[in-house]
Amino acid sequence: MAKNENRQFVGLKCSRCGKLIRPTSKNKRNTPDKLEMKKYCPNCRQNTVFKETKLGK
């Protein structure tokens, strides 16, 4: 099975409380810009905007 170099692991950070949750991967060839999605934040207990950050290892 070939390794896909276009996949990059990123984390999503809540723009309201700043909690880093939801590690995910994205294809950096198809989406070179930073991800920005509305998701449910369990810390804020509401739907907020999540922005892409680097995933710490």
N, C-alpha and C. Protein backbone atom coordinates (compact mmCIF):
# COMPACT_ATOMS: atom_id res chain seq x y z
N MET A 1 0.84 -1.17 0.00
CA MET A 1 0.00 0.00 0.00
C MET A 1 0.89 1.24 0.00
N ALA A 2 0.66 2.15 -0.92
CA ALA A 2 1.48 3.34 -1.07
C ALA A 2 1.11 4.39 -0.04
N LYS A 3 2.11 5.12 0.41
CA LYS A 3 1.88 6.20 1.36
C LYS A 3 1.49 7.46 0.59
N ASN A 4 0.49 8.16 1.06
CA ASN A 4 0.02 9.36 0.40
C ASN A 4 0.67 10.58 1.04
N GLU A 5 1.57 11.27 0.31
CA GLU A 5 2.27 12.42 0.85
C GLU A 5 1.42 13.68 0.84
N ASN A 6 0.29 13.66 0.15
CA ASN A 6 -0.56 14.84 0.10
C ASN A 6 -1.42 15.01 1.35
N ARG A 7 -1.59 13.96 2.14
CA ARG A 7 -2.37 14.03 3.36
C ARG A 7 -1.54 14.64 4.48
N GLN A 8 -2.14 15.58 5.22
CA GLN A 8 -1.47 16.25 6.31
C GLN A 8 -2.40 16.23 7.51
N PHE A 9 -1.88 15.86 8.69
CA PHE A 9 -2.69 15.84 9.90
C PHE A 9 -2.68 17.22 10.53
N VAL A 10 -3.87 17.72 10.84
CA VAL A 10 -4.05 19.03 11.44
C VAL A 10 -5.04 18.91 12.60
N GLY A 11 -5.01 19.89 13.47
CA GLY A 11 -5.97 19.95 14.56
C GLY A 11 -6.92 21.10 14.31
N LEU A 12 -8.09 21.03 14.90
CA LEU A 12 -9.06 22.11 14.79
C LEU A 12 -9.20 22.76 16.16
N LYS A 13 -9.12 24.09 16.20
CA LYS A 13 -9.16 24.84 17.44
C LYS A 13 -10.40 25.71 17.47
N CYS A 14 -11.10 25.69 18.59
CA CYS A 14 -12.31 26.50 18.75
C CYS A 14 -11.92 27.97 18.79
N SER A 15 -12.60 28.79 18.01
CA SER A 15 -12.27 30.21 17.96
C SER A 15 -12.82 30.96 19.17
N ARG A 16 -13.74 30.35 19.89
CA ARG A 16 -14.34 31.03 21.05
C ARG A 16 -13.59 30.73 22.34
N CYS A 17 -13.37 29.45 22.67
CA CYS A 17 -12.71 29.11 23.93
C CYS A 17 -11.24 28.77 23.75
N GLY A 18 -10.81 28.45 22.52
CA GLY A 18 -9.41 28.16 22.25
C GLY A 18 -8.99 26.74 22.54
N LYS A 19 -9.94 25.86 22.81
CA LYS A 19 -9.62 24.46 23.11
C LYS A 19 -9.31 23.72 21.81
N LEU A 20 -8.19 23.00 21.81
CA LEU A 20 -7.77 22.24 20.63
C LEU A 20 -8.40 20.86 20.69
N ILE A 21 -9.31 20.60 19.76
CA ILE A 21 -9.97 19.30 19.67
C ILE A 21 -10.07 18.91 18.21
N ARG A 22 -10.63 17.75 17.97
CA ARG A 22 -10.91 17.25 16.63
C ARG A 22 -9.70 17.16 15.73
N PRO A 23 -8.75 16.27 16.03
CA PRO A 23 -7.66 16.06 15.07
C PRO A 23 -8.22 15.44 13.80
N THR A 24 -7.76 15.92 12.67
CA THR A 24 -8.28 15.46 11.38
C THR A 24 -7.16 15.55 10.36
N SER A 25 -7.43 15.07 9.17
CA SER A 25 -6.45 15.16 8.10
C SER A 25 -7.07 15.89 6.93
N LYS A 26 -6.21 16.52 6.14
CA LYS A 26 -6.70 17.21 4.95
C LYS A 26 -5.74 16.95 3.81
N ASN A 27 -6.23 17.10 2.60
CA ASN A 27 -5.41 16.95 1.42
C ASN A 27 -4.87 18.33 1.08
N LYS A 28 -3.55 18.52 1.24
CA LYS A 28 -3.00 19.86 1.05
C LYS A 28 -2.91 20.27 -0.41
N ARG A 29 -3.07 19.32 -1.33
CA ARG A 29 -3.11 19.68 -2.75
C ARG A 29 -4.47 20.28 -3.12
N ASN A 30 -5.54 19.70 -2.61
CA ASN A 30 -6.89 20.17 -2.93
C ASN A 30 -7.29 21.39 -2.10
N THR A 31 -6.83 21.48 -0.85
CA THR A 31 -7.18 22.60 0.03
C THR A 31 -5.91 23.21 0.60
N PRO A 32 -5.23 24.09 -0.15
CA PRO A 32 -4.01 24.70 0.36
C PRO A 32 -4.27 25.75 1.43
N ASP A 33 -5.48 26.31 1.48
CA ASP A 33 -5.82 27.31 2.49
C ASP A 33 -6.11 26.62 3.82
N LYS A 34 -6.17 27.41 4.89
CA LYS A 34 -6.50 26.85 6.20
C LYS A 34 -7.97 26.48 6.26
N LEU A 35 -8.27 25.38 6.94
CA LEU A 35 -9.65 24.93 7.09
C LEU A 35 -10.37 25.82 8.09
N GLU A 36 -11.66 26.01 7.86
CA GLU A 36 -12.51 26.74 8.78
C GLU A 36 -13.90 26.13 8.68
N MET A 37 -14.35 25.50 9.78
CA MET A 37 -15.63 24.80 9.77
C MET A 37 -16.43 25.14 11.02
N LYS A 38 -17.75 25.01 10.92
CA LYS A 38 -18.60 25.14 12.09
C LYS A 38 -18.84 23.74 12.64
N LYS A 39 -18.47 23.55 13.90
CA LYS A 39 -18.64 22.27 14.58
C LYS A 39 -19.17 22.52 15.98
N TYR A 40 -19.60 21.45 16.64
CA TYR A 40 -20.07 21.54 18.02
C TYR A 40 -18.88 21.46 18.97
N CYS A 41 -18.76 22.41 19.87
CA CYS A 41 -17.70 22.42 20.88
C CYS A 41 -18.30 21.96 22.21
N PRO A 42 -17.83 20.84 22.77
CA PRO A 42 -18.39 20.37 24.04
C PRO A 42 -18.03 21.28 25.21
N ASN A 43 -16.95 22.04 25.09
CA ASN A 43 -16.55 22.94 26.16
C ASN A 43 -17.47 24.18 26.20
N CYS A 44 -17.79 24.74 25.04
CA CYS A 44 -18.68 25.90 24.95
C CYS A 44 -20.15 25.50 24.96
N ARG A 45 -20.42 24.25 24.62
CA ARG A 45 -21.77 23.69 24.51
C ARG A 45 -22.60 24.40 23.44
N GLN A 46 -21.97 24.72 22.32
CA GLN A 46 -22.69 25.30 21.19
C GLN A 46 -21.86 25.15 19.93
N ASN A 47 -22.48 25.42 18.79
CA ASN A 47 -21.77 25.37 17.52
C ASN A 47 -20.92 26.62 17.37
N THR A 48 -19.62 26.43 17.11
CA THR A 48 -18.70 27.54 16.93
C THR A 48 -17.84 27.27 15.71
N VAL A 49 -17.08 28.28 15.31
CA VAL A 49 -16.17 28.15 14.17
C VAL A 49 -14.87 27.54 14.66
N PHE A 50 -14.41 26.49 13.98
CA PHE A 50 -13.15 25.85 14.29
C PHE A 50 -12.16 26.20 13.19
N LYS A 51 -10.93 26.59 13.58
CA LYS A 51 -9.90 26.95 12.60
C LYS A 51 -8.75 25.96 12.70
N GLU A 52 -8.06 25.79 11.59
CA GLU A 52 -6.96 24.83 11.51
C GLU A 52 -5.73 25.31 12.27
N THR A 53 -5.11 24.38 13.02
CA THR A 53 -3.83 24.63 13.68
C THR A 53 -2.95 23.42 13.46
N LYS A 54 -1.67 23.57 13.76
CA LYS A 54 -0.77 22.43 13.66
C LYS A 54 -1.06 21.47 14.81
N LEU A 55 -0.93 20.21 14.54
CA LEU A 55 -1.18 19.19 15.54
C LEU A 55 0.13 18.89 16.25
N GLY A 56 0.20 19.15 17.55
CA GLY A 56 1.42 18.91 18.32
C GLY A 56 1.66 17.43 18.56
N LYS A 57 2.90 17.01 18.42
CA LYS A 57 3.24 15.61 18.63
C LYS A 57 4.09 15.44 19.85
